[in-house]
PDB file of N, CA and C in Angstrom:
ATOM      1  N   MET A   1      35.686 -24.377 -11.789  1.00  0.00           N
ATOM      2  CA  MET A   1      36.295 -23.992 -13.043  1.00  0.00           C
ATOM      3  C   MET A   1      35.186 -23.548 -13.990  1.00  0.00           C
ATOM      4  N   ILE A   2      35.468 -22.490 -14.689  1.00  0.00           N
ATOM      5  CA  ILE A   2      34.536 -21.989 -15.704  1.00  0.00           C
ATOM      6  C   ILE A   2      35.236 -22.091 -17.048  1.00  0.00           C
ATOM      7  N   PHE A   3      34.597 -22.726 -17.991  1.00  0.00           N
ATOM      8  CA  PHE A   3      35.151 -22.849 -19.336  1.00  0.00           C
ATOM      9  C   PHE A   3      34.213 -22.107 -20.270  1.00  0.00           C
ATOM     10  N   ASP A   4      34.635 -20.913 -20.685  1.00  0.00           N
ATOM     11  CA  ASP A   4      33.787 -20.063 -21.517  1.00  0.00           C
ATOM     12  C   ASP A   4      34.681 -19.042 -22.202  1.00  0.00           C
ATOM     13  N   SER A   5      34.104 -18.267 -23.058  1.00  0.00           N
ATOM     14  CA  SER A   5      34.823 -17.182 -23.716  1.00  0.00           C
ATOM     15  C   SER A   5      34.933 -15.994 -22.762  1.00  0.00           C
ATOM     16  N   ILE A   6      36.062 -15.295 -22.808  1.00  0.00           N
ATOM     17  CA  ILE A   6      36.249 -14.111 -21.961  1.00  0.00           C
ATOM     18  C   ILE A   6      35.202 -13.041 -22.283  1.00  0.00           C
ATOM     19  N   LYS A   7      34.632 -13.103 -23.472  1.00  0.00           N
ATOM     20  CA  LYS A   7      33.574 -12.154 -23.845  1.00  0.00           C
ATOM     21  C   LYS A   7      32.354 -12.286 -22.935  1.00  0.00           C
ATOM     22  N   ASN A   8      32.187 -13.444 -22.322  1.00  0.00           N
ATOM     23  CA  ASN A   8      31.037 -13.693 -21.454  1.00  0.00           C
ATOM     24  C   ASN A   8      31.358 -13.505 -19.972  1.00  0.00           C
ATOM     25  N   ALA A   9      32.475 -12.886 -19.651  1.00  0.00           N
ATOM     26  CA  ALA A   9      32.926 -12.762 -18.262  1.00  0.00           C
ATOM     27  C   ALA A   9      31.910 -12.062 -17.364  1.00  0.00           C
ATOM     28  N   ASP A  10      31.186 -11.101 -17.896  1.00  0.00           N
ATOM     29  CA  ASP A  10      30.232 -10.354 -17.066  1.00  0.00           C
ATOM     30  C   ASP A  10      29.158 -11.252 -16.453  1.00  0.00           C
ATOM     31  N   ILE A  11      28.860 -12.351 -17.088  1.00  0.00           N
ATOM     32  CA  ILE A  11      27.859 -13.290 -16.574  1.00  0.00           C
ATOM     33  C   ILE A  11      28.286 -13.837 -15.212  1.00  0.00           C
ATOM     34  N   TYR A  12      29.591 -13.987 -14.993  1.00  0.00           N
ATOM     35  CA  TYR A  12      30.117 -14.689 -13.827  1.00  0.00           C
ATOM     36  C   TYR A  12      30.554 -13.778 -12.684  1.00  0.00           C
ATOM     37  N   ARG A  13      30.524 -12.474 -12.866  1.00  0.00           N
ATOM     38  CA  ARG A  13      31.010 -11.532 -11.840  1.00  0.00           C
ATOM     39  C   ARG A  13      30.275 -11.655 -10.508  1.00  0.00           C
ATOM     40  N   LYS A  14      29.029 -12.061 -10.525  1.00  0.00           N
ATOM     41  CA  LYS A  14      28.228 -12.130  -9.299  1.00  0.00           C
ATOM     42  C   LYS A  14      28.451 -13.415  -8.502  1.00  0.00           C
ATOM     43  N   ILE A  15      29.223 -14.339  -9.031  1.00  0.00           N
ATOM     44  CA  ILE A  15      29.428 -15.616  -8.339  1.00  0.00           C
ATOM     45  C   ILE A  15      30.132 -15.412  -7.004  1.00  0.00           C
ATOM     46  N   SER A  16      31.189 -14.600  -6.991  1.00  0.00           N
ATOM     47  CA  SER A  16      31.897 -14.331  -5.734  1.00  0.00           C
ATOM     48  C   SER A  16      32.706 -13.045  -5.869  1.00  0.00           C
ATOM     49  N   PRO A  17      32.976 -12.381  -4.752  1.00  0.00           N
ATOM     50  CA  PRO A  17      33.792 -11.165  -4.803  1.00  0.00           C
ATOM     51  C   PRO A  17      35.206 -11.436  -5.325  1.00  0.00           C
ATOM     52  N   ASN A  18      35.748 -12.599  -5.012  1.00  0.00           N
ATOM     53  CA  ASN A  18      37.099 -12.926  -5.475  1.00  0.00           C
ATOM     54  C   ASN A  18      37.133 -13.152  -6.982  1.00  0.00           C
ATOM     55  N   LEU A  19      36.121 -13.803  -7.512  1.00  0.00           N
ATOM     56  CA  LEU A  19      36.054 -13.995  -8.959  1.00  0.00           C
ATOM     57  C   LEU A  19      35.876 -12.646  -9.647  1.00  0.00           C
ATOM     58  N   LYS A  20      35.058 -11.778  -9.077  1.00  0.00           N
ATOM     59  CA  LYS A  20      34.890 -10.434  -9.632  1.00  0.00           C
ATOM     60  C   LYS A  20      36.221  -9.690  -9.639  1.00  0.00           C
ATOM     61  N   ALA A  21      36.998  -9.795  -8.561  1.00  0.00           N
ATOM     62  CA  ALA A  21      38.306  -9.127  -8.493  1.00  0.00           C
ATOM     63  C   ALA A  21      39.232  -9.642  -9.587  1.00  0.00           C
ATOM     64  N   ALA A  22      39.245 -10.958  -9.800  1.00  0.00           N
ATOM     65  CA  ALA A  22      40.102 -11.545 -10.837  1.00  0.00           C
ATOM     66  C   ALA A  22      39.662 -11.090 -12.225  1.00  0.00           C
ATOM     67  N   LEU A  23      38.371 -11.106 -12.489  1.00  0.00           N
ATOM     68  CA  LEU A  23      37.867 -10.685 -13.797  1.00  0.00           C
ATOM     69  C   LEU A  23      38.117  -9.202 -14.036  1.00  0.00           C
ATOM     70  N   ASP A  24      37.941  -8.382 -13.003  1.00  0.00           N
ATOM     71  CA  ASP A  24      38.222  -6.949 -13.132  1.00  0.00           C
ATOM     72  C   ASP A  24      39.702  -6.715 -13.430  1.00  0.00           C
ATOM     73  N   TYR A  25      40.569  -7.462 -12.763  1.00  0.00           N
ATOM     74  CA  TYR A  25      42.012  -7.325 -12.980  1.00  0.00           C
ATOM     75  C   TYR A  25      42.369  -7.707 -14.416  1.00  0.00           C
ATOM     76  N   MET A  26      41.805  -8.821 -14.885  1.00  0.00           N
ATOM     77  CA  MET A  26      42.102  -9.272 -16.246  1.00  0.00           C
ATOM     78  C   MET A  26      41.603  -8.271 -17.281  1.00  0.00           C
ATOM     79  N   LYS A  27      40.496  -7.612 -16.993  1.00  0.00           N
ATOM     80  CA  LYS A  27      39.956  -6.620 -17.921  1.00  0.00           C
ATOM     81  C   LYS A  27      40.817  -5.355 -17.944  1.00  0.00           C
ATOM     82  N   ALA A  28      41.404  -5.006 -16.804  1.00  0.00           N
ATOM     83  CA  ALA A  28      42.165  -3.759 -16.680  1.00  0.00           C
ATOM     84  C   ALA A  28      43.635  -3.882 -17.086  1.00  0.00           C
ATOM     85  N   HIS A  29      44.136  -5.100 -17.226  1.00  0.00           N
ATOM     86  CA  HIS A  29      45.552  -5.312 -17.525  1.00  0.00           C
ATOM     87  C   HIS A  29      45.716  -6.186 -18.765  1.00  0.00           C
ATOM     88  N   ASP A  30      46.756  -5.923 -19.522  1.00  0.00           N
ATOM     89  CA  ASP A  30      47.088  -6.765 -20.674  1.00  0.00           C
ATOM     90  C   ASP A  30      47.967  -7.907 -20.170  1.00  0.00           C
ATOM     91  N   LEU A  31      47.363  -9.053 -19.912  1.00  0.00           N
ATOM     92  CA  LEU A  31      48.091 -10.182 -19.339  1.00  0.00           C
ATOM     93  C   LEU A  31      49.207 -10.674 -20.253  1.00  0.00           C
ATOM     94  N   ASN A  32      49.060 -10.492 -21.557  1.00  0.00           N
ATOM     95  CA  ASN A  32      50.104 -10.918 -22.495  1.00  0.00           C
ATOM     96  C   ASN A  32      51.370 -10.086 -22.364  1.00  0.00           C
ATOM     97  N   GLU A  33      51.253  -8.889 -21.821  1.00  0.00           N
ATOM     98  CA  GLU A  33      52.408  -8.005 -21.666  1.00  0.00           C
ATOM     99  C   GLU A  33      53.070  -8.131 -20.296  1.00  0.00           C
ATOM    100  N   MET A  34      52.473  -8.880 -19.400  1.00  0.00           N
ATOM    101  CA  MET A  34      53.016  -9.008 -18.045  1.00  0.00           C
ATOM    102  C   MET A  34      54.124 -10.051 -18.005  1.00  0.00           C
ATOM    103  N   GLU A  35      55.090  -9.817 -17.147  1.00  0.00           N
ATOM    104  CA  GLU A  35      56.174 -10.770 -16.954  1.00  0.00           C
ATOM    105  C   GLU A  35      55.649 -11.986 -16.193  1.00  0.00           C
ATOM    106  N   PRO A  36      56.234 -13.160 -16.450  1.00  0.00           N
ATOM    107  CA  PRO A  36      55.845 -14.336 -15.668  1.00  0.00           C
ATOM    108  C   PRO A  36      56.046 -14.067 -14.177  1.00  0.00           C
ATOM    109  N   GLY A  37      55.135 -14.566 -13.395  1.00  0.00           N
ATOM    110  CA  GLY A  37      55.238 -14.393 -11.951  1.00  0.00           C
ATOM    111  C   GLY A  37      53.890 -14.521 -11.278  1.00  0.00           C
ATOM    112  N   ARG A  38      53.908 -14.245  -9.985  1.00  0.00           N
ATOM    113  CA  ARG A  38      52.706 -14.327  -9.159  1.00  0.00           C
ATOM    114  C   ARG A  38      52.308 -12.912  -8.760  1.00  0.00           C
ATOM    115  N   TYR A  39      51.048 -12.582  -8.953  1.00  0.00           N
ATOM    116  CA  TYR A  39      50.543 -11.250  -8.673  1.00  0.00           C
ATOM    117  C   TYR A  39      49.354 -11.354  -7.715  1.00  0.00           C
ATOM    118  N   PRO A  40      49.579 -11.125  -6.424  1.00  0.00           N
ATOM    119  CA  PRO A  40      48.453 -11.165  -5.484  1.00  0.00           C
ATOM    120  C   PRO A  40      47.581  -9.917  -5.645  1.00  0.00           C
ATOM    121  N   ILE A  41      46.275 -10.122  -5.630  1.00  0.00           N
ATOM    122  CA  ILE A  41      45.325  -9.008  -5.705  1.00  0.00           C
ATOM    123  C   ILE A  41      44.255  -9.231  -4.636  1.00  0.00           C
ATOM    124  N   ALA A  42      43.359  -8.283  -4.494  1.00  0.00           N
ATOM    125  CA  ALA A  42      42.242  -8.388  -3.540  1.00  0.00           C
ATOM    126  C   ALA A  42      42.756  -8.710  -2.135  1.00  0.00           C
ATOM    127  N   ASP A  43      43.725  -7.907  -1.685  1.00  0.00           N
ATOM    128  CA  ASP A  43      44.309  -8.096  -0.349  1.00  0.00           C
ATOM    129  C   ASP A  43      44.882  -9.498  -0.157  1.00  0.00           C
ATOM    130  N   GLY A  44      45.438 -10.069  -1.225  1.00  0.00           N
ATOM    131  CA  GLY A  44      46.064 -11.385  -1.152  1.00  0.00           C
ATOM    132  C   GLY A  44      45.097 -12.551  -1.214  1.00  0.00           C
ATOM    133  N   LYS A  45      43.817 -12.288  -1.388  1.00  0.00           N
ATOM    134  CA  LYS A  45      42.826 -13.365  -1.451  1.00  0.00           C
ATOM    135  C   LYS A  45      42.780 -14.037  -2.818  1.00  0.00           C
ATOM    136  N   VAL A  46      43.299 -13.347  -3.832  1.00  0.00           N
ATOM    137  CA  VAL A  46      43.297 -13.858  -5.205  1.00  0.00           C
ATOM    138  C   VAL A  46      44.717 -13.767  -5.734  1.00  0.00           C
ATOM    139  N   LEU A  47      45.128 -14.778  -6.464  1.00  0.00           N
ATOM    140  CA  LEU A  47      46.474 -14.815  -7.017  1.00  0.00           C
ATOM    141  C   LEU A  47      46.391 -14.974  -8.529  1.00  0.00           C
ATOM    142  N   ILE A  48      46.977 -14.020  -9.246  1.00  0.00           N
ATOM    143  CA  ILE A  48      47.086 -14.112 -10.697  1.00  0.00           C
ATOM    144  C   ILE A  48      48.459 -14.714 -10.979  1.00  0.00           C
ATOM    145  N   ILE A  49      48.504 -15.805 -11.714  1.00  0.00           N
ATOM    146  CA  ILE A  49      49.773 -16.460 -12.045  1.00  0.00           C
ATOM    147  C   ILE A  49      49.967 -16.377 -13.552  1.00  0.00           C
ATOM    148  N   ILE A  50      51.079 -15.781 -13.959  1.00  0.00           N
ATOM    149  CA  ILE A  50      51.420 -15.655 -15.375  1.00  0.00           C
ATOM    150  C   ILE A  50      52.558 -16.613 -15.668  1.00  0.00           C
ATOM    151  N   LYS A  51      52.340 -17.503 -16.623  1.00  0.00           N
ATOM    152  CA  LYS A  51      53.378 -18.428 -17.084  1.00  0.00           C
ATOM    153  C   LYS A  51      53.475 -18.307 -18.590  1.00  0.00           C
ATOM    154  N   LYS A  52      54.664 -18.442 -19.098  1.00  0.00           N
ATOM    155  CA  LYS A  52      54.854 -18.418 -20.549  1.00  0.00           C
ATOM    156  C   LYS A  52      55.641 -19.657 -20.937  1.00  0.00           C
ATOM    157  N   ARG A  53      55.033 -20.437 -21.790  1.00  0.00           N
ATOM    158  CA  ARG A  53      55.667 -21.675 -22.246  1.00  0.00           C
ATOM    159  C   ARG A  53      55.520 -21.784 -23.750  1.00  0.00           C
ATOM    160  N   ILE A  54      56.486 -22.405 -24.365  1.00  0.00           N
ATOM    161  CA  ILE A  54      56.405 -22.697 -25.794  1.00  0.00           C
ATOM    162  C   ILE A  54      55.754 -24.066 -25.925  1.00  0.00           C
ATOM    163  N   CYS A  55      54.604 -24.099 -26.564  1.00  0.00           N
ATOM    164  CA  CYS A  55      53.864 -25.355 -26.698  1.00  0.00           C
ATOM    165  C   CYS A  55      54.403 -26.221 -27.829  1.00  0.00           C
ATOM    166  N   HIS A  56      54.892 -25.577 -28.865  1.00  0.00           N
ATOM    167  CA  HIS A  56      55.430 -26.310 -30.002  1.00  0.00           C
ATOM    168  C   HIS A  56      56.348 -25.384 -30.773  1.00  0.00           C
ATOM    169  N   GLU A  57      57.189 -25.955 -31.568  1.00  0.00           N
ATOM    170  CA  GLU A  57      58.102 -25.149 -32.369  1.00  0.00           C
ATOM    171  C   GLU A  57      57.400 -24.708 -33.636  1.00  0.00           C
ATOM    172  N   LYS A  58      57.660 -23.484 -34.046  1.00  0.00           N
ATOM    173  CA  LYS A  58      57.033 -22.970 -35.267  1.00  0.00           C
ATOM    174  C   LYS A  58      57.887 -23.285 -36.469  1.00  0.00           C
TER     175      LYS A  58
END
């Protein structure tokens, strides 16, 4: 697990090809606009999971 700001994502791209694929996907797509679901990428080696939950009432 990496806990950092998305602004620093380039630092981590060299860790693994799968992490690079996930970071590239997140950079190329607006995850906030995607429907909840499972999105396989990198020939199914990486799975992007979008969930939307209400954490508290406004």
